Protein backbone atom coordinates (compact mmCIF):
# COMPACT_ATOMS: atom_id res chain seq x y z
CA MET A 1 132.64 148.34 95.49
CA THR A 2 131.69 146.92 92.29
CA ASP A 3 134.82 144.45 92.46
CA SER A 4 134.08 143.10 95.93
CA ILE A 5 130.57 142.29 94.61
CA ILE A 6 132.01 140.64 91.76
CA PHE A 7 134.48 138.91 94.03
CA THR A 8 131.49 137.43 95.97
CA PHE A 9 129.47 136.63 93.47
CA CYS A 10 132.21 134.89 91.68
CA ALA A 11 133.11 132.81 94.88
CA VAL A 12 129.41 131.91 95.94
CA VAL A 13 129.13 130.64 92.46
CA LEU A 14 132.45 128.90 92.71
CA ILE A 15 131.11 127.26 96.33
CA CYS A 16 127.61 126.36 94.65
CA ALA A 17 129.67 124.54 92.31
CA LEU A 18 131.79 122.42 94.79
CA GLY A 19 128.70 121.58 96.50
CA ILE A 20 127.01 120.02 93.70
CA SER A 21 130.35 118.52 92.15
CA ALA A 22 130.26 117.17 95.75
CA ILE A 23 126.58 115.76 96.22
CA SER A 24 126.87 114.09 92.92
CA THR A 25 129.31 112.18 94.20
CA ILE A 26 127.90 110.32 97.48
CA PRO A 27 126.13 107.30 97.08
CA SER A 28 122.55 106.86 96.60
CA PRO A 29 121.54 105.04 99.96
CA ILE A 30 119.24 103.27 97.82
CA PRO A 31 121.21 100.54 95.39
CA GLU A 32 120.32 100.10 92.25
CA PRO A 33 117.99 97.30 91.76
CA THR A 34 120.04 94.30 89.99
CA ALA A 35 118.64 90.90 88.47
CA ASP A 36 121.10 89.27 91.13
CA THR A 37 119.18 90.94 94.65
CA ASP A 38 116.11 90.57 92.33
CA LEU A 39 116.44 86.73 91.77
CA ASP A 40 117.96 86.55 95.75
CA LYS A 41 114.74 88.36 96.65
CA SER A 42 112.20 86.28 95.10
CA MET A 43 114.17 83.08 96.21
CA ASP A 44 113.86 83.57 99.74
CA THR A 45 110.08 84.88 99.43
CA MET A 46 109.70 81.50 97.74
CA HIS A 47 111.38 79.54 100.44
CA ALA A 48 109.85 81.41 103.35
CA GLU A 49 106.00 80.68 101.94
CA MET A 50 107.36 77.16 101.58
CA GLN A 51 108.33 77.16 105.02
CA LYS A 52 104.62 77.69 106.15
CA VAL A 53 103.71 74.21 104.50
CA ARG A 54 102.78 71.94 107.02
CA CYS A 55 102.28 68.39 105.47
CA SER A 56 99.71 66.35 105.92
CA GLY A 57 100.83 63.01 104.62
CA ASN A 58 98.52 63.15 101.65
CA ALA A 59 101.21 63.43 98.79
CA ASP A 60 98.61 64.80 96.35
CA ALA A 61 97.96 67.36 98.82
CA ASP A 62 101.23 68.29 100.19
CA PHE A 63 102.77 68.39 96.76
CA ALA A 64 100.03 70.74 95.28
CA SER A 65 100.34 72.97 98.92
CA LEU A 66 103.98 73.03 98.21
CA MET A 67 104.22 73.91 94.75
CA ILE A 68 101.47 76.65 95.27
CA PRO A 69 103.78 78.85 96.78
CA HIS A 70 106.84 77.47 94.79
CA HIS A 71 105.51 78.52 91.32
CA PRO A 72 104.82 82.36 92.40
CA GLY A 73 109.07 82.19 93.14
CA ALA A 74 109.05 80.97 89.81
CA ILE A 75 106.67 83.84 87.97
CA GLU A 76 109.18 86.62 90.00
CA MET A 77 111.89 84.88 89.18
CA SER A 78 110.26 85.11 85.16
CA LYS A 79 109.40 89.13 85.54
CA VAL A 80 112.96 89.49 86.61
CA GLU A 81 114.16 87.77 83.74
CA LEU A 82 112.08 90.46 81.77
CA GLN A 83 113.47 93.09 83.19
CA PHE A 84 117.19 92.81 82.64
CA GLY A 85 117.73 89.70 80.51
CA THR A 86 118.81 90.01 76.86
CA ASP A 87 118.51 86.85 75.68
CA PRO A 88 115.17 86.26 72.78
CA CYS A 89 114.96 83.00 73.89
CA LEU A 90 114.54 83.16 77.87
CA ARG A 91 112.74 86.55 77.37
CA ARG A 92 110.02 83.69 75.92
CA LEU A 93 110.34 81.15 78.34
CA ALA A 94 109.98 83.56 80.95
CA GLN A 95 106.61 84.84 79.46
CA GLU A 96 105.28 81.01 78.91
CA ILE A 97 106.41 80.59 82.49
CA ILE A 98 104.21 83.78 84.09
CA VAL A 99 101.35 82.53 82.03
CA THR A 100 101.42 78.82 82.76
CA GLN A 101 102.18 78.69 86.43
CA GLN A 102 99.47 81.19 87.18
CA SER A 103 97.05 79.12 85.54
CA GLU A 104 98.63 76.04 87.56
CA ILE A 105 98.18 77.29 90.83
CA GLU A 106 94.58 77.79 90.15
CA VAL A 107 94.33 74.36 89.05
CA MET A 108 96.26 72.78 92.08
CA LYS A 109 94.05 75.35 94.49
CA GLY A 110 90.92 73.56 92.89
CA ALA A 111 92.45 69.95 93.24
CA ILE A 112 93.28 70.58 97.23
CA ARG A 113 89.75 71.90 97.83
CA GLY A 114 88.62 68.26 96.28
CA LEU A 115 90.59 66.63 98.60
CA PRO A 116 90.08 65.29 101.95
CA PRO A 117 91.01 67.70 104.88
CA PRO A 118 94.65 66.85 106.42
CA SER A 119 95.80 65.46 109.53
CA PHE A 120 98.70 67.31 111.24
CA SER A 121 99.29 64.66 113.43
CA LEU A 122 102.27 64.13 112.16
CA LYS A 123 105.81 64.97 112.93
CA GLN A 124 107.32 66.76 109.68
CA LYS A 125 106.19 70.22 110.24
CA ASN A 126 107.36 71.58 106.87
CA TRP A 127 109.13 70.66 103.83
CA CYS A 128 112.82 71.31 104.94
CA THR A 129 112.63 69.27 108.36
CA ARG A 130 112.44 66.23 106.52
C-alpha cells in the first residue's frame, strides 16, 4: 500500500513538473515592448493627428496647427529613448526635447488664439493631400 502511495505521489509530482515546464515555454500573448514598436506607435499617432489638421491658407496658422500634433510625437519618441536608449548624449537630448517641445506647444497654441479665424474654403484638406 505504501509503495502505491509513493508511486502515485511521484507520478503527480512528475506530471506537475512537466506541466509547469510546458507552460513556461509557451510564448506570452502580449509581446514585450521594444524601442521599434514604441517608436512606430508614436509615429503612427503623430501622423494620424496631423492628418486631422485642415489647412486654412494662413501660413502661420497652418504651421502652428501642424506642429502642435507633431511635437507630442517627438516627445513620445524622446520618452522611448529614455526608456530604451543608453547613449548619454542622446538621453540628454531626449530630456531637452521633452521640456522644450512642451513649452513650444503652449506658445503655438497662444499664437493661434491671436490669429484671425481660419477659412476652410480651400480644397486642401490636410497636410498629406498637397
